[in-house]
Amino acid sequence: MELNRRSNEMIDVLKNTRKFLNPEDNWNFDFMVEAVQVYGKELYYPANDRAELFLQLTGKKTYSKDELKILQKVGYNVIFKTKTLEEI
């Protein structure tokens, strides 16, 4: 049953990728994450739709530094969101 549920989730995620494959989108490969310090460890949370969509594939809530390096190697622009003065 768990396999079927995960398979259905993957299908849903892949269906949602269609909106990112719109030619009018100019094939935007910006992948935005936000670095957050939690108990002295830096965690990388998704900060845009594309980053959130890829994270759904893993079932995790954060990215590792190695995962971000791999995404960069395959052509994604890994952008780190910074806080504005109002957010501090």
PDB file of N, CA and C in Angstrom:
ATOM      1  N   MET A   1       0.812  -1.193   0.000  1.00  0.00           N
ATOM      2  CA  MET A   1       0.000   0.000   0.000  1.00  0.00           C
ATOM      3  C   MET A   1       0.859   1.263   0.000  1.00  0.00           C
ATOM      4  N   GLU A   2       1.959   1.222   0.762  1.00  0.00           N
ATOM      5  CA  GLU A   2       2.846   2.382   0.836  1.00  0.00           C
ATOM      6  C   GLU A   2       3.423   2.698  -0.542  1.00  0.00           C
ATOM      7  N   LEU A   3       3.780   1.660  -1.299  1.00  0.00           N
ATOM      8  CA  LEU A   3       4.340   1.858  -2.633  1.00  0.00           C
ATOM      9  C   LEU A   3       3.327   2.527  -3.551  1.00  0.00           C
ATOM     10  N   ASN A   4       2.076   2.089  -3.484  1.00  0.00           N
ATOM     11  CA  ASN A   4       1.043   2.699  -4.319  1.00  0.00           C
ATOM     12  C   ASN A   4       0.830   4.164  -3.961  1.00  0.00           C
ATOM     13  N   ARG A   5       0.842   4.464  -2.668  1.00  0.00           N
ATOM     14  CA  ARG A   5       0.645   5.842  -2.223  1.00  0.00           C
ATOM     15  C   ARG A   5       1.791   6.719  -2.726  1.00  0.00           C
ATOM     16  N   ARG A   6       3.033   6.232  -2.590  1.00  0.00           N
ATOM     17  CA  ARG A   6       4.194   6.999  -3.065  1.00  0.00           C
ATOM     18  C   ARG A   6       4.166   7.154  -4.580  1.00  0.00           C
ATOM     19  N   SER A   7       3.730   6.098  -5.289  1.00  0.00           N
ATOM     20  CA  SER A   7       3.639   6.178  -6.740  1.00  0.00           C
ATOM     21  C   SER A   7       2.627   7.236  -7.156  1.00  0.00           C
ATOM     22  N   ASN A   8       1.496   7.262  -6.477  1.00  0.00           N
ATOM     23  CA  ASN A   8       0.471   8.263  -6.787  1.00  0.00           C
ATOM     24  C   ASN A   8       0.972   9.669  -6.484  1.00  0.00           C
ATOM     25  N   GLU A   9       1.730   9.818  -5.408  1.00  0.00           N
ATOM     26  CA  GLU A   9       2.296  11.122  -5.082  1.00  0.00           C
ATOM     27  C   GLU A   9       3.275  11.568  -6.159  1.00  0.00           C
ATOM     28  N   MET A  10       4.096  10.644  -6.642  1.00  0.00           N
ATOM     29  CA  MET A  10       5.052  10.967  -7.701  1.00  0.00           C
ATOM     30  C   MET A  10       4.338  11.391  -8.977  1.00  0.00           C
ATOM     31  N   ILE A  11       3.264  10.697  -9.308  1.00  0.00           N
ATOM     32  CA  ILE A  11       2.493  11.043 -10.502  1.00  0.00           C
ATOM     33  C   ILE A  11       1.930  12.448 -10.361  1.00  0.00           C
ATOM     34  N   ASP A  12       1.402  12.774  -9.181  1.00  0.00           N
ATOM     35  CA  ASP A  12       0.869  14.116  -8.947  1.00  0.00           C
ATOM     36  C   ASP A  12       1.955  15.176  -9.099  1.00  0.00           C
ATOM     37  N   VAL A  13       3.130  14.892  -8.564  1.00  0.00           N
ATOM     38  CA  VAL A  13       4.235  15.844  -8.665  1.00  0.00           C
ATOM     39  C   VAL A  13       4.617  16.044 -10.121  1.00  0.00           C
ATOM     40  N   LEU A  14       4.725  14.962 -10.871  1.00  0.00           N
ATOM     41  CA  LEU A  14       5.105  15.073 -12.276  1.00  0.00           C
ATOM     42  C   LEU A  14       4.055  15.814 -13.091  1.00  0.00           C
ATOM     43  N   LYS A  15       2.792  15.632 -12.766  1.00  0.00           N
ATOM     44  CA  LYS A  15       1.739  16.382 -13.447  1.00  0.00           C
ATOM     45  C   LYS A  15       1.894  17.872 -13.190  1.00  0.00           C
ATOM     46  N   ASN A  16       2.294  18.216 -11.975  1.00  0.00           N
ATOM     47  CA  ASN A  16       2.470  19.627 -11.632  1.00  0.00           C
ATOM     48  C   ASN A  16       3.674  20.249 -12.325  1.00  0.00           C
ATOM     49  N   THR A  17       4.615  19.431 -12.799  1.00  0.00           N
ATOM     50  CA  THR A  17       5.788  19.992 -13.471  1.00  0.00           C
ATOM     51  C   THR A  17       5.425  20.580 -14.820  1.00  0.00           C
ATOM     52  N   ARG A  18       4.299  20.198 -15.373  1.00  0.00           N
ATOM     53  CA  ARG A  18       3.908  20.725 -16.685  1.00  0.00           C
ATOM     54  C   ARG A  18       3.859  22.239 -16.692  1.00  0.00           C
ATOM     55  N   LYS A  19       3.429  22.834 -15.595  1.00  0.00           N
ATOM     56  CA  LYS A  19       3.355  24.290 -15.578  1.00  0.00           C
ATOM     57  C   LYS A  19       4.737  24.921 -15.659  1.00  0.00           C
ATOM     58  N   PHE A  20       5.789  24.185 -15.293  1.00  0.00           N
ATOM     59  CA  PHE A  20       7.137  24.717 -15.371  1.00  0.00           C
ATOM     60  C   PHE A  20       7.749  24.518 -16.759  1.00  0.00           C
ATOM     61  N   LEU A  21       7.112  23.717 -17.579  1.00  0.00           N
ATOM     62  CA  LEU A  21       7.648  23.455 -18.911  1.00  0.00           C
ATOM     63  C   LEU A  21       7.007  24.326 -19.977  1.00  0.00           C
ATOM     64  N   ASN A  22       6.364  25.387 -19.552  1.00  0.00           N
ATOM     65  CA  ASN A  22       5.738  26.331 -20.462  1.00  0.00           C
ATOM     66  C   ASN A  22       6.826  27.125 -21.174  1.00  0.00           C
ATOM     67  N   PRO A  23       6.841  27.125 -22.519  1.00  0.00           N
ATOM     68  CA  PRO A  23       7.883  27.858 -23.250  1.00  0.00           C
ATOM     69  C   PRO A  23       7.889  29.347 -22.926  1.00  0.00           C
ATOM     70  N   GLU A  24       6.754  29.903 -22.532  1.00  0.00           N
ATOM     71  CA  GLU A  24       6.699  31.320 -22.188  1.00  0.00           C
ATOM     72  C   GLU A  24       7.462  31.601 -20.900  1.00  0.00           C
ATOM     73  N   ASP A  25       7.771  30.579 -20.162  1.00  0.00           N
ATOM     74  CA  ASP A  25       8.511  30.711 -18.902  1.00  0.00           C
ATOM     75  C   ASP A  25       9.999  30.973 -19.160  1.00  0.00           C
ATOM     76  N   ASN A  26      10.423  30.903 -20.422  1.00  0.00           N
ATOM     77  CA  ASN A  26      11.822  31.081 -20.809  1.00  0.00           C
ATOM     78  C   ASN A  26      12.744  30.082 -20.118  1.00  0.00           C
ATOM     79  N   TRP A  27      12.213  28.943 -19.790  1.00  0.00           N
ATOM     80  CA  TRP A  27      12.989  27.875 -19.165  1.00  0.00           C
ATOM     81  C   TRP A  27      13.788  28.400 -17.976  1.00  0.00           C
ATOM     82  N   ASN A  28      13.082  29.027 -17.088  1.00  0.00           N
ATOM     83  CA  ASN A  28      13.674  29.585 -15.882  1.00  0.00           C
ATOM     84  C   ASN A  28      14.169  28.446 -14.990  1.00  0.00           C
ATOM     85  N   PHE A  29      15.466  28.414 -14.742  1.00  0.00           N
ATOM     86  CA  PHE A  29      16.042  27.360 -13.920  1.00  0.00           C
ATOM     87  C   PHE A  29      16.503  27.888 -12.563  1.00  0.00           C
ATOM     88  N   ASP A  30      15.823  28.916 -12.078  1.00  0.00           N
ATOM     89  CA  ASP A  30      16.153  29.453 -10.766  1.00  0.00           C
ATOM     90  C   ASP A  30      15.574  28.556  -9.687  1.00  0.00           C
ATOM     91  N   PHE A  31      16.418  28.178  -8.780  1.00  0.00           N
ATOM     92  CA  PHE A  31      16.080  27.250  -7.708  1.00  0.00           C
ATOM     93  C   PHE A  31      16.433  27.965  -6.408  1.00  0.00           C
ATOM     94  N   MET A  32      15.430  28.497  -5.711  1.00  0.00           N
ATOM     95  CA  MET A  32      15.694  29.351  -4.556  1.00  0.00           C
ATOM     96  C   MET A  32      15.509  28.602  -3.244  1.00  0.00           C
ATOM     97  N   VAL A  33      16.494  28.754  -2.365  1.00  0.00           N
ATOM     98  CA  VAL A  33      16.429  28.154  -1.039  1.00  0.00           C
ATOM     99  C   VAL A  33      16.748  29.216   0.010  1.00  0.00           C
ATOM    100  N   GLU A  34      16.322  28.944   1.222  1.00  0.00           N
ATOM    101  CA  GLU A  34      16.612  29.837   2.338  1.00  0.00           C
ATOM    102  C   GLU A  34      17.396  29.061   3.380  1.00  0.00           C
ATOM    103  N   ALA A  35      18.567  29.569   3.727  1.00  0.00           N
ATOM    104  CA  ALA A  35      19.410  28.932   4.742  1.00  0.00           C
ATOM    105  C   ALA A  35      18.948  29.397   6.119  1.00  0.00           C
ATOM    106  N   VAL A  36      18.705  28.426   7.012  1.00  0.00           N
ATOM    107  CA  VAL A  36      18.235  28.724   8.363  1.00  0.00           C
ATOM    108  C   VAL A  36      19.115  27.970   9.351  1.00  0.00           C
ATOM    109  N   GLN A  37      19.571  28.659  10.383  1.00  0.00           N
ATOM    110  CA  GLN A  37      20.364  28.032  11.441  1.00  0.00           C
ATOM    111  C   GLN A  37      19.425  27.416  12.476  1.00  0.00           C
ATOM    112  N   VAL A  38      19.565  26.113  12.702  1.00  0.00           N
ATOM    113  CA  VAL A  38      18.758  25.407  13.701  1.00  0.00           C
ATOM    114  C   VAL A  38      19.711  24.608  14.582  1.00  0.00           C
ATOM    115  N   TYR A  39      19.811  25.001  15.840  1.00  0.00           N
ATOM    116  CA  TYR A  39      20.720  24.351  16.791  1.00  0.00           C
ATOM    117  C   TYR A  39      22.136  24.246  16.231  1.00  0.00           C
ATOM    118  N   GLY A  40      22.609  25.312  15.614  1.00  0.00           N
ATOM    119  CA  GLY A  40      23.970  25.359  15.104  1.00  0.00           C
ATOM    120  C   GLY A  40      24.178  24.651  13.769  1.00  0.00           C
ATOM    121  N   LYS A  41      23.124  24.083  13.211  1.00  0.00           N
ATOM    122  CA  LYS A  41      23.229  23.396  11.931  1.00  0.00           C
ATOM    123  C   LYS A  41      22.477  24.206  10.871  1.00  0.00           C
ATOM    124  N   GLU A  42      23.104  24.361   9.704  1.00  0.00           N
ATOM    125  CA  GLU A  42      22.454  25.122   8.639  1.00  0.00           C
ATOM    126  C   GLU A  42      21.558  24.196   7.817  1.00  0.00           C
ATOM    127  N   LEU A  43      20.280  24.559   7.735  1.00  0.00           N
ATOM    128  CA  LEU A  43      19.299  23.808   6.952  1.00  0.00           C
ATOM    129  C   LEU A  43      18.858  24.660   5.774  1.00  0.00           C
ATOM    130  N   TYR A  44      18.551  24.015   4.660  1.00  0.00           N
ATOM    131  CA  TYR A  44      18.182  24.724   3.441  1.00  0.00           C
ATOM    132  C   TYR A  44      16.737  24.390   3.075  1.00  0.00           C
ATOM    133  N   TYR A  45      15.861  25.373   3.262  1.00  0.00           N
ATOM    134  CA  TYR A  45      14.436  25.202   2.992  1.00  0.00           C
ATOM    135  C   TYR A  45      14.103  25.745   1.605  1.00  0.00           C
ATOM    136  N   PRO A  46      13.128  25.141   0.916  1.00  0.00           N
ATOM    137  CA  PRO A  46      12.737  25.656  -0.396  1.00  0.00           C
ATOM    138  C   PRO A  46      12.116  27.046  -0.256  1.00  0.00           C
ATOM    139  N   ALA A  47      12.407  27.935  -1.230  1.00  0.00           N
ATOM    140  CA  ALA A  47      11.892  29.293  -1.167  1.00  0.00           C
ATOM    141  C   ALA A  47      11.168  29.705  -2.449  1.00  0.00           C
ATOM    142  N   ASN A  48      10.972  28.761  -3.376  1.00  0.00           N
ATOM    143  CA  ASN A  48      10.129  29.036  -4.537  1.00  0.00           C
ATOM    144  C   ASN A  48       9.439  27.733  -4.963  1.00  0.00           C
ATOM    145  N   ASP A  49       8.530  27.846  -5.912  1.00  0.00           N
ATOM    146  CA  ASP A  49       7.723  26.690  -6.324  1.00  0.00           C
ATOM    147  C   ASP A  49       8.570  25.541  -6.857  1.00  0.00           C
ATOM    148  N   ARG A  50       9.568  25.864  -7.648  1.00  0.00           N
ATOM    149  CA  ARG A  50      10.407  24.816  -8.235  1.00  0.00           C
ATOM    150  C   ARG A  50      11.156  24.046  -7.148  1.00  0.00           C
ATOM    151  N   ALA A  51      11.711  24.753  -6.188  1.00  0.00           N
ATOM    152  CA  ALA A  51      12.440  24.097  -5.097  1.00  0.00           C
ATOM    153  C   ALA A  51      11.491  23.235  -4.266  1.00  0.00           C
ATOM    154  N   GLU A  52      10.287  23.720  -4.052  1.00  0.00           N
ATOM    155  CA  GLU A  52       9.284  22.958  -3.301  1.00  0.00           C
ATOM    156  C   GLU A  52       8.890  21.696  -4.066  1.00  0.00           C
ATOM    157  N   LEU A  53       8.730  21.821  -5.360  1.00  0.00           N
ATOM    158  CA  LEU A  53       8.332  20.688  -6.194  1.00  0.00           C
ATOM    159  C   LEU A  53       9.382  19.579  -6.165  1.00  0.00           C
ATOM    160  N   PHE A  54      10.642  19.927  -6.296  1.00  0.00           N
ATOM    161  CA  PHE A  54      11.700  18.921  -6.250  1.00  0.00           C
ATOM    162  C   PHE A  54      11.778  18.258  -4.879  1.00  0.00           C
ATOM    163  N   LEU A  55      11.539  19.026  -3.846  1.00  0.00           N
ATOM    164  CA  LEU A  55      11.597  18.467  -2.503  1.00  0.00           C
ATOM    165  C   LEU A  55      10.492  17.440  -2.285  1.00  0.00           C
ATOM    166  N   GLN A  56       9.361  17.611  -2.947  1.00  0.00           N
ATOM    167  CA  GLN A  56       8.278  16.635  -2.850  1.00  0.00           C
ATOM    168  C   GLN A  56       8.725  15.260  -3.342  1.00  0.00           C
ATOM    169  N   LEU A  57       9.655  15.227  -4.273  1.00  0.00           N
ATOM    170  CA  LEU A  57      10.170  13.952  -4.774  1.00  0.00           C
ATOM    171  C   LEU A  57      10.915  13.174  -3.702  1.00  0.00           C
ATOM    172  N   THR A  58      11.540  13.887  -2.777  1.00  0.00           N
ATOM    173  CA  THR A  58      12.352  13.231  -1.761  1.00  0.00           C
ATOM    174  C   THR A  58      11.574  12.886  -0.498  1.00  0.00           C
ATOM    175  N   GLY A  59      10.465  13.597  -0.268  1.00  0.00           N
ATOM    176  CA  GLY A  59       9.709  13.377   0.958  1.00  0.00           C
ATOM    177  C   GLY A  59      10.342  14.054   2.165  1.00  0.00           C
ATOM    178  N   LYS A  60      11.350  14.908   1.914  1.00  0.00           N
ATOM    179  CA  LYS A  60      12.038  15.613   2.988  1.00  0.00           C
ATOM    180  C   LYS A  60      11.523  17.043   3.093  1.00  0.00           C
ATOM    181  N   LYS A  61      11.954  17.742   4.125  1.00  0.00           N
ATOM    182  CA  LYS A  61      11.553  19.133   4.313  1.00  0.00           C
ATOM    183  C   LYS A  61      12.672  20.111   3.993  1.00  0.00           C
ATOM    184  N   THR A  62      13.909  19.608   3.937  1.00  0.00           N
ATOM    185  CA  THR A  62      15.059  20.463   3.651  1.00  0.00           C
ATOM    186  C   THR A  62      15.995  19.769   2.664  1.00  0.00           C
ATOM    187  N   TYR A  63      16.887  20.581   2.079  1.00  0.00           N
ATOM    188  CA  TYR A  63      17.932  20.072   1.192  1.00  0.00           C
ATOM    189  C   TYR A  63      19.255  19.996   1.951  1.00  0.00           C
ATOM    190  N   SER A  64      20.098  19.090   1.521  1.00  0.00           N
ATOM    191  CA  SER A  64      21.461  19.060   2.044  1.00  0.00           C
ATOM    192  C   SER A  64      22.332  19.906   1.112  1.00  0.00           C
ATOM    193  N   LYS A  65      23.505  20.273   1.595  1.00  0.00           N
ATOM    194  CA  LYS A  65      24.434  21.045   0.771  1.00  0.00           C
ATOM    195  C   LYS A  65      24.836  20.230  -0.464  1.00  0.00           C
ATOM    196  N   ASP A  66      25.020  18.928  -0.299  1.00  0.00           N
ATOM    197  CA  ASP A  66      25.386  18.071  -1.433  1.00  0.00           C
ATOM    198  C   ASP A  66      24.290  18.027  -2.490  1.00  0.00           C
ATOM    199  N   GLU A  67      23.033  17.983  -2.066  1.00  0.00           N
ATOM    200  CA  GLU A  67      21.920  17.983  -3.023  1.00  0.00           C
ATOM    201  C   GLU A  67      21.890  19.285  -3.816  1.00  0.00           C
ATOM    202  N   LEU A  68      22.149  20.395  -3.156  1.00  0.00           N
ATOM    203  CA  LEU A  68      22.177  21.683  -3.858  1.00  0.00           C
ATOM    204  C   LEU A  68      23.326  21.735  -4.858  1.00  0.00           C
ATOM    205  N   LYS A  69      24.462  21.147  -4.506  1.00  0.00           N
ATOM    206  CA  LYS A  69      25.596  21.098  -5.435  1.00  0.00           C
ATOM    207  C   LYS A  69      25.244  20.285  -6.679  1.00  0.00           C
ATOM    208  N   ILE A  70      24.537  19.183  -6.482  1.00  0.00           N
ATOM    209  CA  ILE A  70      24.131  18.343  -7.621  1.00  0.00           C
ATOM    210  C   ILE A  70      23.162  19.103  -8.518  1.00  0.00           C
ATOM    211  N   LEU A  71      22.191  19.779  -7.919  1.00  0.00           N
ATOM    212  CA  LEU A  71      21.242  20.565  -8.711  1.00  0.00           C
ATOM    213  C   LEU A  71      21.969  21.629  -9.528  1.00  0.00           C
ATOM    214  N   GLN A  72      22.984  22.218  -8.940  1.00  0.00           N
ATOM    215  CA  GLN A  72      23.769  23.220  -9.655  1.00  0.00           C
ATOM    216  C   GLN A  72      24.535  22.584 -10.815  1.00  0.00           C
ATOM    217  N   LYS A  73      25.056  21.385 -10.605  1.00  0.00           N
ATOM    218  CA  LYS A  73      25.812  20.691 -11.659  1.00  0.00           C
ATOM    219  C   LYS A  73      24.933  20.342 -12.855  1.00  0.00           C
ATOM    220  N   VAL A  74      23.638  20.080 -12.616  1.00  0.00           N
ATOM    221  CA  VAL A  74      22.757  19.717 -13.735  1.00  0.00           C
ATOM    222  C   VAL A  74      22.107  20.938 -14.377  1.00  0.00           C
ATOM    223  N   GLY A  75      22.519  22.132 -13.950  1.00  0.00           N
ATOM    224  CA  GLY A  75      22.099  23.327 -14.667  1.00  0.00           C
ATOM    225  C   GLY A  75      21.144  24.265 -13.958  1.00  0.00           C
ATOM    226  N   TYR A  76      20.796  23.986 -12.727  1.00  0.00           N
ATOM    227  CA  TYR A  76      19.915  24.898 -11.997  1.00  0.00           C
ATOM    228  C   TYR A  76      20.726  26.019 -11.360  1.00  0.00           C
ATOM    229  N   ASN A  77      20.156  27.212 -11.344  1.00  0.00           N
ATOM    230  CA  ASN A  77      20.761  28.347 -10.659  1.00  0.00           C
ATOM    231  C   ASN A  77      20.295  28.302  -9.209  1.00  0.00           C
ATOM    232  N   VAL A  78      21.163  27.879  -8.315  1.00  0.00           N
ATOM    233  CA  VAL A  78      20.804  27.802  -6.898  1.00  0.00           C
ATOM    234  C   VAL A  78      20.990  29.195  -6.305  1.00  0.00           C
ATOM    235  N   ILE A  79      19.889  29.779  -5.891  1.00  0.00           N
ATOM    236  CA  ILE A  79      19.887  31.146  -5.360  1.00  0.00           C
ATOM    237  C   ILE A  79      19.495  31.077  -3.894  1.00  0.00           C
ATOM    238  N   PHE A  80      20.247  31.789  -3.058  1.00  0.00           N
ATOM    239  CA  PHE A  80      19.947  31.822  -1.635  1.00  0.00           C
ATOM    240  C   PHE A  80      19.156  33.082  -1.317  1.00  0.00           C
ATOM    241  N   LYS A  81      17.981  32.876  -0.771  1.00  0.00           N
ATOM    242  CA  LYS A  81      17.126  33.991  -0.376  1.00  0.00           C
ATOM    243  C   LYS A  81      17.729  34.644   0.860  1.00  0.00           C
ATOM    244  N   THR A  82      17.768  35.952   0.865  1.00  0.00           N
ATOM    245  CA  THR A  82      18.265  36.676   2.023  1.00  0.00           C
ATOM    246  C   THR A  82      17.116  37.437   2.672  1.00  0.00           C
ATOM    247  N   LYS A  83      17.294  37.746   3.918  1.00  0.00           N
ATOM    248  CA  LYS A  83      16.264  38.473   4.647  1.00  0.00           C
ATOM    249  C   LYS A  83      16.422  39.970   4.414  1.00  0.00           C
ATOM    250  N   THR A  84      15.277  40.628   4.311  1.00  0.00           N
ATOM    251  CA  THR A  84      15.300  42.084   4.209  1.00  0.00           C
ATOM    252  C   THR A  84      15.333  42.660   5.619  1.00  0.00           C
ATOM    253  N   LEU A  85      15.563  43.933   5.715  1.00  0.00           N
ATOM    254  CA  LEU A  85      15.606  44.584   7.017  1.00  0.00           C
ATOM    255  C   LEU A  85      14.292  44.436   7.755  1.00  0.00           C
ATOM    256  N   GLU A  86      13.180  44.438   7.047  1.00  0.00           N
ATOM    257  CA  GLU A  86      11.862  44.294   7.666  1.00  0.00           C
ATOM    258  C   GLU A  86      11.652  42.887   8.248  1.00  0.00           C
ATOM    259  N   GLU A  87      12.323  41.896   7.684  1.00  0.00           N
ATOM    260  CA  GLU A  87      12.160  40.518   8.132  1.00  0.00           C
ATOM    261  C   GLU A  87      13.029  40.177   9.347  1.00  0.00           C
ATOM    262  N   ILE A  88      13.988  41.034   9.651  1.00  0.00           N
ATOM    263  CA  ILE A  88      14.899  40.756  10.777  1.00  0.00           C
ATOM    264  C   ILE A  88      14.214  41.062  12.086  1.00  0.00           C
TER     265      ILE A  88
END
